[in-house]
Amino acid sequence: MPEILTERRGHLGLITLNRPKALNALTTDMCREFLDALLQWRNDPEIAQVAVMGAGERGLCAGGDIVAIYRDILDRSGASADFWRIEYQLNVLIDEYPKPYIALMDGIVLGGGIGISAHGSHRIVTEASRCGMPEVGIGFFPDVGGTHLLARAPHAAGRMAALTGMKFGAADTIALGLADSYVPQEKIPDLLAELETQPAAAVLADYAQSPKPGFLHEEWVQSFGEESIPAVVHALERNDSPQAQEALKALAAACPSSVRLAEELLRLAGADLRTDLQREYRAAVHRLDDPDFAEGIRAAVVDKDRNPQWTETVPGQTPAQRTQRHLAPLPGAELTFALLAEDLEEKSHS
């Protein structure tokens, strides 16, 4: 069964991620087919706008296939670098797409799912949406332009999202700048039908409603504006809000080396998506060599014991040196954006 479905519905090009049993987790081939479809429709006069959705009832996309990344850490085939190289170019294409790009962020939207939705021009959440960048929980960091997006969010809220990996509902996803509009889940089929003939802005003007309030407006969230992580922890410990205690627990469970790396990437990000993705690509490739990444995946999805044993210190490196190592150049292997040229088929197989 095809893992990416593409349809022409009137003047709408519809892309459906079709791995419902894997919560539509992205693979290299899926990203390539996704990118190929967008490029084909980019200059197609019969396609006025594009929408993306996920098959099944659980959500749009749970992210990348981290089991495949774990295998690559063990055998070093280069598969992960190839995956990120294509995925990150897809993120840029979505960000720069010349036609309306409508992301239906219904249900679970995590990690790579944010990458194929939050860079779009029209991002729709529902009452079932649970969105976030949970990578610090598996020894990684918010990638797919996640550092770019969260650096541009309200400071304390963006920092909380990056350093805790928490999931957010509709209102808070909008507050973070990862979505624009709330539409009740039951209205999505009707909305899609109207997108076949009507422009996205007009359709959303008719369908968008106000979501139930979230919690990012609450005062305790400003704890994440404190200068240091110990200061953040101290501020949260003094607050008895259930959400504050949930955030404290999530921060405590996050991989410490990932938190430090995410902090540095956030500090550097926000001005230009392409530049930020090139920095994330360096960090992702170097992260394959850090013991915490393999351990995080092992605990989460391989052995599933949910009890990662993080490596506190790496011999010969201070914590700061360990972080900075991830920003080192990749001679002859830096991320470029060659696939975004018109001649995709020739370039994609070179």
C-alpha atoms as a PDB file:
ATOM      1  CA  MET A   1       0.000   0.000   0.000  1.00  0.00           C
ATOM      2  CA  PRO A   2       1.421   3.434  -0.899  1.00  0.00           C
ATOM      3  CA  GLU A   3       2.693   5.357   2.123  1.00  0.00           C
ATOM      4  CA  ILE A   4       1.947   8.704   0.456  1.00  0.00           C
ATOM      5  CA  LEU A   5      -1.338   9.292  -1.378  1.00  0.00           C
ATOM      6  CA  THR A   6      -1.738  12.246  -3.716  1.00  0.00           C
ATOM      7  CA  GLU A   7      -5.042  13.365  -5.177  1.00  0.00           C
ATOM      8  CA  ARG A   8      -6.358  16.180  -7.305  1.00  0.00           C
ATOM      9  CA  ARG A   9      -9.671  17.370  -5.961  1.00  0.00           C
ATOM     10  CA  GLY A  10     -10.853  20.312  -8.012  1.00  0.00           C
ATOM     11  CA  HIS A  11      -8.145  22.950  -7.627  1.00  0.00           C
ATOM     12  CA  LEU A  12      -6.875  21.312  -4.428  1.00  0.00           C
ATOM     13  CA  GLY A  13      -3.853  19.031  -4.321  1.00  0.00           C
ATOM     14  CA  LEU A  14      -4.297  16.693  -1.349  1.00  0.00           C
ATOM     15  CA  ILE A  15      -1.426  14.752   0.236  1.00  0.00           C
ATOM     16  CA  THR A  16      -2.296  12.021   2.725  1.00  0.00           C
ATOM     17  CA  LEU A  17       0.316  10.314   4.904  1.00  0.00           C
ATOM     18  CA  ASN A  18      -0.710   6.680   4.774  1.00  0.00           C
ATOM     19  CA  ARG A  19       0.992   4.725   7.553  1.00  0.00           C
ATOM     20  CA  PRO A  20      -1.827   4.760  10.112  1.00  0.00           C
ATOM     21  CA  LYS A  21      -0.485   1.783  12.102  1.00  0.00           C
ATOM     22  CA  ALA A  22       2.767   3.723  12.622  1.00  0.00           C
ATOM     23  CA  LEU A  23       0.867   6.956  13.281  1.00  0.00           C
ATOM     24  CA  ASN A  24       2.062   8.112   9.858  1.00  0.00           C
ATOM     25  CA  ALA A  25       5.699   8.302  10.940  1.00  0.00           C
ATOM     26  CA  LEU A  26       7.883   9.624   8.145  1.00  0.00           C
ATOM     27  CA  THR A  27      10.409   7.598   6.195  1.00  0.00           C
ATOM     28  CA  THR A  28      12.976   8.740   3.640  1.00  0.00           C
ATOM     29  CA  ASP A  29      10.838   7.521   0.734  1.00  0.00           C
ATOM     30  CA  MET A  30       7.770   9.296   2.120  1.00  0.00           C
ATOM     31  CA  CYS A  31       9.642  12.596   2.382  1.00  0.00           C
ATOM     32  CA  ARG A  32      10.961  12.212  -1.145  1.00  0.00           C
ATOM     33  CA  GLU A  33       7.508  11.480  -2.557  1.00  0.00           C
ATOM     34  CA  PHE A  34       6.013  14.341  -0.552  1.00  0.00           C
ATOM     35  CA  LEU A  35       8.627  16.755  -1.858  1.00  0.00           C
ATOM     36  CA  ASP A  36       8.221  15.464  -5.409  1.00  0.00           C
ATOM     37  CA  ALA A  37       4.447  16.058  -5.305  1.00  0.00           C
ATOM     38  CA  LEU A  38       4.862  19.609  -4.010  1.00  0.00           C
ATOM     39  CA  LEU A  39       7.373  20.418  -6.718  1.00  0.00           C
ATOM     40  CA  GLN A  40       5.107  18.996  -9.419  1.00  0.00           C
ATOM     41  CA  TRP A  41       2.195  21.106  -8.170  1.00  0.00           C
ATOM     42  CA  ARG A  42       4.257  24.231  -7.554  1.00  0.00           C
ATOM     43  CA  ASN A  43       3.843  25.505 -11.120  1.00  0.00           C
ATOM     44  CA  ASP A  44       0.747  23.513 -12.082  1.00  0.00           C
ATOM     45  CA  PRO A  45      -1.951  26.016 -13.111  1.00  0.00           C
ATOM     46  CA  GLU A  46      -4.706  23.542 -12.232  1.00  0.00           C
ATOM     47  CA  ILE A  47      -3.600  23.325  -8.578  1.00  0.00           C
ATOM     48  CA  ALA A  48      -4.366  26.514  -6.663  1.00  0.00           C
ATOM     49  CA  GLN A  49      -3.566  25.223  -3.165  1.00  0.00           C
ATOM     50  CA  VAL A  50      -2.307  22.153  -1.340  1.00  0.00           C
ATOM     51  CA  ALA A  51      -3.460  20.377   1.833  1.00  0.00           C
ATOM     52  CA  VAL A  52      -1.867  17.643   3.942  1.00  0.00           C
ATOM     53  CA  MET A  53      -3.606  15.229   6.305  1.00  0.00           C
ATOM     54  CA  GLY A  54      -2.948  11.904   8.002  1.00  0.00           C
ATOM     55  CA  ALA A  55      -4.696   8.593   7.389  1.00  0.00           C
ATOM     56  CA  GLY A  56      -6.465   6.918  10.287  1.00  0.00           C
ATOM     57  CA  GLU A  57      -8.025   8.394  13.391  1.00  0.00           C
ATOM     58  CA  ARG A  58      -4.977   8.969  15.590  1.00  0.00           C
ATOM     59  CA  GLY A  59      -3.287  11.968  14.049  1.00  0.00           C
ATOM     60  CA  LEU A  60      -1.369  13.668  11.280  1.00  0.00           C
ATOM     61  CA  CYS A  61       2.127  12.385  12.056  1.00  0.00           C
ATOM     62  CA  ALA A  62       4.088  11.182  15.093  1.00  0.00           C
ATOM     63  CA  GLY A  63       7.427  12.272  13.625  1.00  0.00           C
ATOM     64  CA  GLY A  64      10.265  10.385  11.985  1.00  0.00           C
ATOM     65  CA  ASP A  65      10.919   6.660  12.135  1.00  0.00           C
ATOM     66  CA  ILE A  66      13.217   6.586  15.158  1.00  0.00           C
ATOM     67  CA  VAL A  67      13.636   2.805  15.061  1.00  0.00           C
ATOM     68  CA  ALA A  68      15.301   3.245  11.660  1.00  0.00           C
ATOM     69  CA  ILE A  69      17.565   5.900  13.199  1.00  0.00           C
ATOM     70  CA  TYR A  70      18.480   3.489  16.004  1.00  0.00           C
ATOM     71  CA  ARG A  71      19.468   0.852  13.441  1.00  0.00           C
ATOM     72  CA  ASP A  72      21.599   3.435  11.670  1.00  0.00           C
ATOM     73  CA  ILE A  73      23.363   4.367  14.910  1.00  0.00           C
ATOM     74  CA  LEU A  74      24.317   0.712  15.276  1.00  0.00           C
ATOM     75  CA  ASP A  75      25.403  -0.001  11.694  1.00  0.00           C
ATOM     76  CA  ARG A  76      26.351   3.515  10.478  1.00  0.00           C
ATOM     77  CA  SER A  77      24.911   3.155   6.993  1.00  0.00           C
ATOM     78  CA  GLY A  78      24.367   6.890   6.586  1.00  0.00           C
ATOM     79  CA  ALA A  79      20.608   6.377   6.298  1.00  0.00           C
ATOM     80  CA  SER A  80      19.736   8.964   8.964  1.00  0.00           C
ATOM     81  CA  ALA A  81      21.793  11.704   7.327  1.00  0.00           C
ATOM     82  CA  ASP A  82      20.060  10.929   4.024  1.00  0.00           C
ATOM     83  CA  PHE A  83      16.654  11.074   5.713  1.00  0.00           C
ATOM     84  CA  TRP A  84      17.326  14.421   7.385  1.00  0.00           C
ATOM     85  CA  ARG A  85      18.811  15.841   4.180  1.00  0.00           C
ATOM     86  CA  ILE A  86      15.554  15.242   2.319  1.00  0.00           C
ATOM     87  CA  GLU A  87      13.225  15.992   5.242  1.00  0.00           C
ATOM     88  CA  TYR A  88      14.798  19.371   5.997  1.00  0.00           C
ATOM     89  CA  GLN A  89      14.580  20.418   2.355  1.00  0.00           C
ATOM     90  CA  LEU A  90      10.910  19.452   2.439  1.00  0.00           C
ATOM     91  CA  ASN A  91      10.475  21.736   5.464  1.00  0.00           C
ATOM     92  CA  VAL A  92      11.988  24.646   3.519  1.00  0.00           C
ATOM     93  CA  LEU A  93       9.815  23.966   0.472  1.00  0.00           C
ATOM     94  CA  ILE A  94       6.716  24.091   2.675  1.00  0.00           C
ATOM     95  CA  ASP A  95       7.883  27.348   4.272  1.00  0.00           C
ATOM     96  CA  GLU A  96       8.572  28.959   0.895  1.00  0.00           C
ATOM     97  CA  TYR A  97       5.693  27.416  -1.039  1.00  0.00           C
ATOM     98  CA  PRO A  98       4.149  29.962  -3.439  1.00  0.00           C
ATOM     99  CA  LYS A  99       0.613  28.597  -3.039  1.00  0.00           C
ATOM    100  CA  PRO A 100      -1.547  28.218   0.072  1.00  0.00           C
ATOM    101  CA  TYR A 101      -0.402  25.192   2.064  1.00  0.00           C
ATOM    102  CA  ILE A 102      -3.075  23.931   4.452  1.00  0.00           C
ATOM    103  CA  ALA A 103      -1.986  21.558   7.228  1.00  0.00           C
ATOM    104  CA  LEU A 104      -4.723  19.623   9.027  1.00  0.00           C
ATOM    105  CA  MET A 105      -3.082  19.168  12.430  1.00  0.00           C
ATOM    106  CA  ASP A 106      -5.766  16.898  13.850  1.00  0.00           C
ATOM    107  CA  GLY A 107      -4.814  14.425  16.585  1.00  0.00           C
ATOM    108  CA  ILE A 108      -1.152  13.663  17.306  1.00  0.00           C
ATOM    109  CA  VAL A 109       1.346  15.996  15.607  1.00  0.00           C
ATOM    110  CA  LEU A 110       4.853  15.543  16.962  1.00  0.00           C
ATOM    111  CA  GLY A 111       8.425  16.149  15.826  1.00  0.00           C
ATOM    112  CA  GLY A 112       8.582  15.648  12.085  1.00  0.00           C
ATOM    113  CA  GLY A 113       4.821  16.128  12.007  1.00  0.00           C
ATOM    114  CA  ILE A 114       5.420  19.704  13.143  1.00  0.00           C
ATOM    115  CA  GLY A 115       7.942  20.051  10.336  1.00  0.00           C
ATOM    116  CA  ILE A 116       5.396  19.218   7.636  1.00  0.00           C
ATOM    117  CA  SER A 117       2.687  21.404   9.143  1.00  0.00           C
ATOM    118  CA  ALA A 118       3.914  24.380  11.192  1.00  0.00           C
ATOM    119  CA  HIS A 119       5.955  25.836   8.314  1.00  0.00           C
ATOM    120  CA  GLY A 120       2.803  26.072   6.181  1.00  0.00           C
ATOM    121  CA  SER A 121       0.702  29.132   5.462  1.00  0.00           C
ATOM    122  CA  HIS A 122      -2.591  27.809   6.941  1.00  0.00           C
ATOM    123  CA  ARG A 123      -2.273  25.539   9.994  1.00  0.00           C
ATOM    124  CA  ILE A 124      -5.460  24.092  11.464  1.00  0.00           C
ATOM    125  CA  VAL A 125      -5.859  22.441  14.864  1.00  0.00           C
ATOM    126  CA  THR A 126      -8.897  20.698  16.371  1.00  0.00           C
ATOM    127  CA  GLU A 127     -10.076  19.745  19.851  1.00  0.00           C
ATOM    128  CA  ALA A 128      -8.189  16.454  19.382  1.00  0.00           C
ATOM    129  CA  SER A 129      -4.847  18.077  18.533  1.00  0.00           C
ATOM    130  CA  ARG A 130      -1.866  17.157  20.693  1.00  0.00           C
ATOM    131  CA  CYS A 131       1.160  18.917  19.282  1.00  0.00           C
ATOM    132  CA  GLY A 132       4.751  19.185  20.409  1.00  0.00           C
ATOM    133  CA  MET A 133       8.459  18.620  19.960  1.00  0.00           C
ATOM    134  CA  PRO A 134       9.266  15.746  22.354  1.00  0.00           C
ATOM    135  CA  GLU A 135      12.812  15.043  21.188  1.00  0.00           C
ATOM    136  CA  VAL A 136      14.611  15.874  24.452  1.00  0.00           C
ATOM    137  CA  GLY A 137      12.919  12.797  25.893  1.00  0.00           C
ATOM    138  CA  ILE A 138      14.850  10.514  23.534  1.00  0.00           C
ATOM    139  CA  GLY A 139      18.252  12.216  23.707  1.00  0.00           C
ATOM    140  CA  PHE A 140      17.749  14.421  20.650  1.00  0.00           C
ATOM    141  CA  PHE A 141      16.577  18.032  20.178  1.00  0.00           C
ATOM    142  CA  PRO A 142      13.724  19.854  18.379  1.00  0.00           C
ATOM    143  CA  ASP A 143      14.737  19.639  14.713  1.00  0.00           C
ATOM    144  CA  VAL A 144      12.833  20.018  11.385  1.00  0.00           C
ATOM    145  CA  GLY A 145      13.083  23.753  11.985  1.00  0.00           C
ATOM    146  CA  GLY A 146      11.786  23.309  15.519  1.00  0.00           C
ATOM    147  CA  THR A 147      14.495  25.527  16.974  1.00  0.00           C
ATOM    148  CA  HIS A 148      13.558  28.193  14.415  1.00  0.00           C
ATOM    149  CA  LEU A 149       9.867  28.029  15.268  1.00  0.00           C
ATOM    150  CA  LEU A 150      10.273  27.913  19.043  1.00  0.00           C
ATOM    151  CA  ALA A 151      12.870  30.692  19.055  1.00  0.00           C
ATOM    152  CA  ARG A 152      10.197  32.886  17.465  1.00  0.00           C
ATOM    153  CA  ALA A 153       7.529  31.876  19.992  1.00  0.00           C
ATOM    154  CA  PRO A 154       6.924  33.885  23.168  1.00  0.00           C
ATOM    155  CA  HIS A 155      10.221  33.316  24.980  1.00  0.00           C
ATOM    156  CA  ALA A 156       9.176  31.429  28.116  1.00  0.00           C
ATOM    157  CA  ALA A 157       6.580  29.316  26.288  1.00  0.00           C
ATOM    158  CA  GLY A 158       8.922  28.423  23.442  1.00  0.00           C
ATOM    159  CA  ARG A 159      11.664  27.489  25.862  1.00  0.00           C
ATOM    160  CA  MET A 160       9.272  25.309  27.846  1.00  0.00           C
ATOM    161  CA  ALA A 161       8.142  23.495  24.689  1.00  0.00           C
ATOM    162  CA  ALA A 162      11.727  22.868  23.597  1.00  0.00           C
ATOM    163  CA  LEU A 163      13.142  21.770  26.968  1.00  0.00           C
ATOM    164  CA  THR A 164      10.281  19.642  28.285  1.00  0.00           C
ATOM    165  CA  GLY A 165       8.863  18.005  25.151  1.00  0.00           C
ATOM    166  CA  MET A 166       5.343  18.577  26.472  1.00  0.00           C
ATOM    167  CA  LYS A 167       2.291  18.214  24.228  1.00  0.00           C
ATOM    168  CA  PHE A 168      -0.106  21.090  23.708  1.00  0.00           C
ATOM    169  CA  GLY A 169      -3.762  21.407  22.796  1.00  0.00           C
ATOM    170  CA  ALA A 170      -5.289  23.681  20.187  1.00  0.00           C
ATOM    171  CA  ALA A 171      -5.161  27.021  22.014  1.00  0.00           C
ATOM    172  CA  ASP A 172      -1.593  26.591  23.229  1.00  0.00           C
ATOM    173  CA  THR A 173      -0.377  25.347  19.841  1.00  0.00           C
ATOM    174  CA  ILE A 174      -1.741  28.568  18.370  1.00  0.00           C
ATOM    175  CA  ALA A 175      -0.158  30.609  21.184  1.00  0.00           C
ATOM    176  CA  LEU A 176       3.220  29.041  20.377  1.00  0.00           C
ATOM    177  CA  GLY A 177       2.867  30.152  16.766  1.00  0.00           C
ATOM    178  CA  LEU A 178       2.742  26.561  15.491  1.00  0.00           C
ATOM    179  CA  ALA A 179      -0.853  26.863  14.232  1.00  0.00           C
ATOM    180  CA  ASP A 180      -3.250  29.614  13.158  1.00  0.00           C
ATOM    181  CA  SER A 181      -6.836  28.400  13.294  1.00  0.00           C
ATOM    182  CA  TYR A 182      -9.091  26.153  15.321  1.00  0.00           C
ATOM    183  CA  VAL A 183     -11.773  24.165  13.502  1.00  0.00           C
ATOM    184  CA  PRO A 184     -13.928  21.511  15.244  1.00  0.00           C
ATOM    185  CA  GLN A 185     -12.965  18.017  14.180  1.00  0.00           C
ATOM    186  CA  GLU A 186     -16.447  17.245  12.858  1.00  0.00           C
ATOM    187  CA  LYS A 187     -16.155  20.144  10.404  1.00  0.00           C
ATOM    188  CA  ILE A 188     -12.930  18.982   8.756  1.00  0.00           C
ATOM    189  CA  PRO A 189     -14.591  16.911   5.973  1.00  0.00           C
ATOM    190  CA  ASP A 190     -16.781  19.872   5.003  1.00  0.00           C
ATOM    191  CA  LEU A 191     -13.794  22.204   5.109  1.00  0.00           C
ATOM    192  CA  LEU A 192     -11.834  19.888   2.823  1.00  0.00           C
ATOM    193  CA  ALA A 193     -14.723  19.726   0.368  1.00  0.00           C
ATOM    194  CA  GLU A 194     -14.910  23.521   0.175  1.00  0.00           C
ATOM    195  CA  LEU A 195     -11.158  23.777  -0.376  1.00  0.00           C
ATOM    196  CA  GLU A 196     -11.691  21.982  -3.684  1.00  0.00           C
ATOM    197  CA  THR A 197     -13.307  25.080  -5.126  1.00  0.00           C
ATOM    198  CA  GLN A 198     -12.748  27.976  -2.713  1.00  0.00           C
ATOM    199  CA  PRO A 199      -9.549  29.738  -1.562  1.00  0.00           C
ATOM    200  CA  ALA A 200      -8.193  28.733   1.826  1.00  0.00           C
ATOM    201  CA  ALA A 201      -8.501  32.188   3.403  1.00  0.00           C
ATOM    202  CA  ALA A 202     -12.195  32.419   2.543  1.00  0.00           C
ATOM    203  CA  VAL A 203     -12.944  28.897   3.753  1.00  0.00           C
ATOM    204  CA  LEU A 204     -11.161  29.393   7.059  1.00  0.00           C
ATOM    205  CA  ALA A 205     -12.965  32.665   7.621  1.00  0.00           C
ATOM    206  CA  ASP A 206     -16.192  30.642   7.616  1.00  0.00           C
ATOM    207  CA  TYR A 207     -14.995  27.659   9.662  1.00  0.00           C
ATOM    208  CA  ALA A 208     -12.541  28.996  12.247  1.00  0.00           C
ATOM    209  CA  GLN A 209     -13.770  29.198  15.831  1.00  0.00           C
ATOM    210  CA  SER A 210     -12.274  29.979  19.240  1.00  0.00           C
ATOM    211  CA  PRO A 211     -10.748  26.981  21.055  1.00  0.00           C
ATOM    212  CA  LYS A 212     -11.054  26.283  24.745  1.00  0.00           C
ATOM    213  CA  PRO A 213      -8.349  28.149  26.678  1.00  0.00           C
ATOM    214  CA  GLY A 214      -5.045  26.427  27.294  1.00  0.00           C
ATOM    215  CA  PHE A 215      -2.511  27.171  30.029  1.00  0.00           C
ATOM    216  CA  LEU A 216       0.315  29.089  28.359  1.00  0.00           C
ATOM    217  CA  HIS A 217      -1.210  32.367  29.533  1.00  0.00           C
ATOM    218  CA  GLU A 218      -0.786  31.326  33.186  1.00  0.00           C
ATOM    219  CA  GLU A 219       1.821  33.132  35.282  1.00  0.00           C
ATOM    220  CA  TRP A 220       3.857  30.045  36.179  1.00  0.00           C
ATOM    221  CA  VAL A 221       4.899  29.594  32.545  1.00  0.00           C
ATOM    222  CA  GLN A 222       7.162  32.636  33.025  1.00  0.00           C
ATOM    223  CA  SER A 223       9.327  30.383  35.206  1.00  0.00           C
ATOM    224  CA  PHE A 224      10.903  29.282  31.922  1.00  0.00           C
ATOM    225  CA  GLY A 225      12.101  32.822  31.380  1.00  0.00           C
ATOM    226  CA  GLU A 226      14.589  32.422  34.232  1.00  0.00           C
ATOM    227  CA  GLU A 227      18.230  32.685  33.190  1.00  0.00           C
ATOM    228  CA  SER A 228      19.376  29.168  34.111  1.00  0.00           C
ATOM    229  CA  ILE A 229      17.819  25.717  34.293  1.00  0.00           C
ATOM    230  CA  PRO A 230      18.357  25.492  38.084  1.00  0.00           C
ATOM    231  CA  ALA A 231      16.519  28.814  38.408  1.00  0.00           C
ATOM    232  CA  VAL A 232      13.672  27.456  36.247  1.00  0.00           C
ATOM    233  CA  VAL A 233      13.472  24.379  38.483  1.00  0.00           C
ATOM    234  CA  HIS A 234      13.461  26.493  41.635  1.00  0.00           C
ATOM    235  CA  ALA A 235      10.645  28.688  40.306  1.00  0.00           C
ATOM    236  CA  LEU A 236       8.547  25.679  39.303  1.00  0.00           C
ATOM    237  CA  GLU A 237       9.080  23.993  42.677  1.00  0.00           C
ATOM    238  CA  ARG A 238       7.503  27.005  44.367  1.00  0.00           C
ATOM    239  CA  ASN A 239       4.330  26.747  42.271  1.00  0.00           C
ATOM    240  CA  ASP A 240       1.614  24.229  43.145  1.00  0.00           C
ATOM    241  CA  SER A 241      -0.221  24.427  39.812  1.00  0.00           C
ATOM    242  CA  PRO A 242      -0.750  20.897  38.403  1.00  0.00           C
ATOM    243  CA  GLN A 243       0.541  22.043  35.012  1.00  0.00           C
ATOM    244  CA  ALA A 244       3.624  23.588  36.626  1.00  0.00           C
ATOM    245  CA  GLN A 245       4.357  20.305  38.389  1.00  0.00           C
ATOM    246  CA  GLU A 246       3.831  18.421  35.115  1.00  0.00           C
ATOM    247  CA  ALA A 247       6.344  20.718  33.431  1.00  0.00           C
ATOM    248  CA  LEU A 248       8.794  20.202  36.304  1.00  0.00           C
ATOM    249  CA  LYS A 249       8.460  16.438  35.972  1.00  0.00           C
ATOM    250  CA  ALA A 250       8.970  16.604  32.199  1.00  0.00           C
ATOM    251  CA  LEU A 251      12.059  18.782  32.571  1.00  0.00           C
ATOM    252  CA  ALA A 252      13.510  16.366  35.135  1.00  0.00           C
ATOM    253  CA  ALA A 253      12.928  13.424  32.794  1.00  0.00           C
ATOM    254  CA  ALA A 254      14.492  15.128  29.756  1.00  0.00           C
ATOM    255  CA  CYS A 255      17.990  14.161  28.687  1.00  0.00           C
ATOM    256  CA  PRO A 256      20.367  16.707  30.285  1.00  0.00           C
ATOM    257  CA  SER A 257      22.748  16.838  27.311  1.00  0.00           C
ATOM    258  CA  SER A 258      19.759  17.337  24.992  1.00  0.00           C
ATOM    259  CA  VAL A 259      18.476  20.196  27.140  1.00  0.00           C
ATOM    260  CA  ARG A 260      21.858  21.931  26.941  1.00  0.00           C
ATOM    261  CA  LEU A 261      22.017  21.417  23.174  1.00  0.00           C
ATOM    262  CA  ALA A 262      18.453  22.625  22.657  1.00  0.00           C
ATOM    263  CA  GLU A 263      19.213  25.737  24.725  1.00  0.00           C
ATOM    264  CA  GLU A 264      22.205  26.584  22.527  1.00  0.00           C
ATOM    265  CA  LEU A 265      20.331  25.949  19.281  1.00  0.00           C
ATOM    266  CA  LEU A 266      17.430  28.104  20.462  1.00  0.00           C
ATOM    267  CA  ARG A 267      19.839  30.890  21.336  1.00  0.00           C
ATOM    268  CA  LEU A 268      21.232  30.883  17.806  1.00  0.00           C
ATOM    269  CA  ALA A 269      17.965  30.374  15.905  1.00  0.00           C
ATOM    270  CA  GLY A 270      15.048  32.441  14.704  1.00  0.00           C
ATOM    271  CA  ALA A 271      16.339  34.711  11.953  1.00  0.00           C
ATOM    272  CA  ASP A 272      16.375  32.449   8.887  1.00  0.00           C
ATOM    273  CA  LEU A 273      14.910  28.964   8.455  1.00  0.00           C
ATOM    274  CA  ARG A 274      17.476  27.744   5.938  1.00  0.00           C
ATOM    275  CA  THR A 275      20.364  28.771   8.173  1.00  0.00           C
ATOM    276  CA  ASP A 276      18.708  27.243  11.218  1.00  0.00           C
ATOM    277  CA  LEU A 277      18.094  23.957   9.411  1.00  0.00           C
ATOM    278  CA  GLN A 278      21.710  23.806   8.274  1.00  0.00           C
ATOM    279  CA  ARG A 279      22.712  24.201  11.926  1.00  0.00           C
ATOM    280  CA  GLU A 280      20.194  21.551  12.997  1.00  0.00           C
ATOM    281  CA  TYR A 281      21.531  19.204  10.314  1.00  0.00           C
ATOM    282  CA  ARG A 282      25.055  19.494  11.695  1.00  0.00           C
ATOM    283  CA  ALA A 283      23.758  18.859  15.193  1.00  0.00           C
ATOM    284  CA  ALA A 284      21.656  15.874  14.100  1.00  0.00           C
ATOM    285  CA  VAL A 285      24.524  14.155  12.309  1.00  0.00           C
ATOM    286  CA  HIS A 286      26.922  14.744  15.204  1.00  0.00           C
ATOM    287  CA  ARG A 287      24.256  13.576  17.653  1.00  0.00           C
ATOM    288  CA  LEU A 288      24.465  10.089  16.153  1.00  0.00           C
ATOM    289  CA  ASP A 289      27.827   9.809  17.925  1.00  0.00           C
ATOM    290  CA  ASP A 290      26.516  10.864  21.331  1.00  0.00           C
ATOM    291  CA  PRO A 291      25.630   7.905  23.589  1.00  0.00           C
ATOM    292  CA  ASP A 292      22.469   9.598  24.883  1.00  0.00           C
ATOM    293  CA  PHE A 293      20.684   9.448  21.529  1.00  0.00           C
ATOM    294  CA  ALA A 294      20.915   5.669  21.161  1.00  0.00           C
ATOM    295  CA  GLU A 295      20.034   5.226  24.835  1.00  0.00           C
ATOM    296  CA  GLY A 296      16.987   7.449  24.559  1.00  0.00           C
ATOM    297  CA  ILE A 297      15.591   5.548  21.591  1.00  0.00           C
ATOM    298  CA  ARG A 298      16.369   2.214  23.223  1.00  0.00           C
ATOM    299  CA  ALA A 299      14.439   3.096  26.353  1.00  0.00           C
ATOM    300  CA  ALA A 300      11.495   4.593  24.466  1.00  0.00           C
ATOM    301  CA  VAL A 301      10.808   2.229  21.570  1.00  0.00           C
ATOM    302  CA  VAL A 302      13.269  -0.673  21.480  1.00  0.00           C
ATOM    303  CA  ASP A 303      13.248  -2.164  24.984  1.00  0.00           C
ATOM    304  CA  LYS A 304      10.410   0.159  26.044  1.00  0.00           C
ATOM    305  CA  ASP A 305      11.501   0.184  29.668  1.00  0.00           C
ATOM    306  CA  ARG A 306      11.083   3.992  29.817  1.00  0.00           C
ATOM    307  CA  ASN A 307      14.176   4.141  32.008  1.00  0.00           C
ATOM    308  CA  PRO A 308      17.027   5.741  30.063  1.00  0.00           C
ATOM    309  CA  GLN A 309      20.423   5.877  31.720  1.00  0.00           C
ATOM    310  CA  TRP A 310      21.786   9.204  30.525  1.00  0.00           C
ATOM    311  CA  THR A 311      25.536   9.691  30.198  1.00  0.00           C
ATOM    312  CA  GLU A 312      26.389  12.557  32.535  1.00  0.00           C
ATOM    313  CA  THR A 313      29.915  13.129  31.279  1.00  0.00           C
ATOM    314  CA  VAL A 314      31.816  12.190  28.130  1.00  0.00           C
ATOM    315  CA  PRO A 315      35.536  11.512  28.710  1.00  0.00           C
ATOM    316  CA  GLY A 316      37.727  14.399  27.607  1.00  0.00           C
ATOM    317  CA  GLN A 317      34.833  16.854  27.176  1.00  0.00           C
ATOM    318  CA  THR A 318      33.282  19.394  29.467  1.00  0.00           C
ATOM    319  CA  PRO A 319      29.485  19.745  29.161  1.00  0.00           C
ATOM    320  CA  ALA A 320      30.003  22.951  27.160  1.00  0.00           C
ATOM    321  CA  GLN A 321      32.483  21.240  24.819  1.00  0.00           C
ATOM    322  CA  ARG A 322      30.067  18.352  24.371  1.00  0.00           C
ATOM    323  CA  THR A 323      27.384  20.808  23.295  1.00  0.00           C
ATOM    324  CA  GLN A 324      29.641  22.812  20.978  1.00  0.00           C
ATOM    325  CA  ARG A 325      30.869  19.669  19.238  1.00  0.00           C
ATOM    326  CA  HIS A 326      27.417  19.354  17.680  1.00  0.00           C
ATOM    327  CA  LEU A 327      27.855  22.664  15.848  1.00  0.00           C
ATOM    328  CA  ALA A 328      31.082  21.678  14.093  1.00  0.00           C
ATOM    329  CA  PRO A 329      31.129  21.789  10.264  1.00  0.00           C
ATOM    330  CA  LEU A 330      30.597  18.659   8.180  1.00  0.00           C
ATOM    331  CA  PRO A 331      33.290  18.985   5.492  1.00  0.00           C
ATOM    332  CA  GLY A 332      31.886  17.900   2.143  1.00  0.00           C
ATOM    333  CA  ALA A 333      28.576  16.890   3.721  1.00  0.00           C
ATOM    334  CA  GLU A 334      26.800  20.105   4.708  1.00  0.00           C
ATOM    335  CA  LEU A 335      23.073  20.459   4.087  1.00  0.00           C
ATOM    336  CA  THR A 336      22.288  22.145   0.769  1.00  0.00           C
ATOM    337  CA  PHE A 337      18.926  22.769  -0.867  1.00  0.00           C
ATOM    338  CA  ALA A 338      19.625  21.220  -4.258  1.00  0.00           C
ATOM    339  CA  LEU A 339      16.376  19.233  -4.316  1.00  0.00           C
ATOM    340  CA  LEU A 340      14.347  22.423  -4.410  1.00  0.00           C
ATOM    341  CA  ALA A 341      15.477  23.122  -7.971  1.00  0.00           C
ATOM    342  CA  GLU A 342      13.065  22.353 -10.799  1.00  0.00           C
ATOM    343  CA  ASP A 343      14.945  19.238 -11.982  1.00  0.00           C
ATOM    344  CA  LEU A 344      14.126  17.175  -8.883  1.00  0.00           C
ATOM    345  CA  GLU A 345      14.310  13.753 -10.510  1.00  0.00           C
ATOM    346  CA  GLU A 346      17.847  14.294 -11.793  1.00  0.00           C
ATOM    347  CA  LYS A 347      19.133  15.795  -8.573  1.00  0.00           C
ATOM    348  CA  SER A 348      17.349  13.463  -6.156  1.00  0.00           C
ATOM    349  CA  HIS A 349      19.228  10.430  -7.418  1.00  0.00           C
ATOM    350  CA  SER A 350      22.664  12.001  -7.707  1.00  0.00           C
END
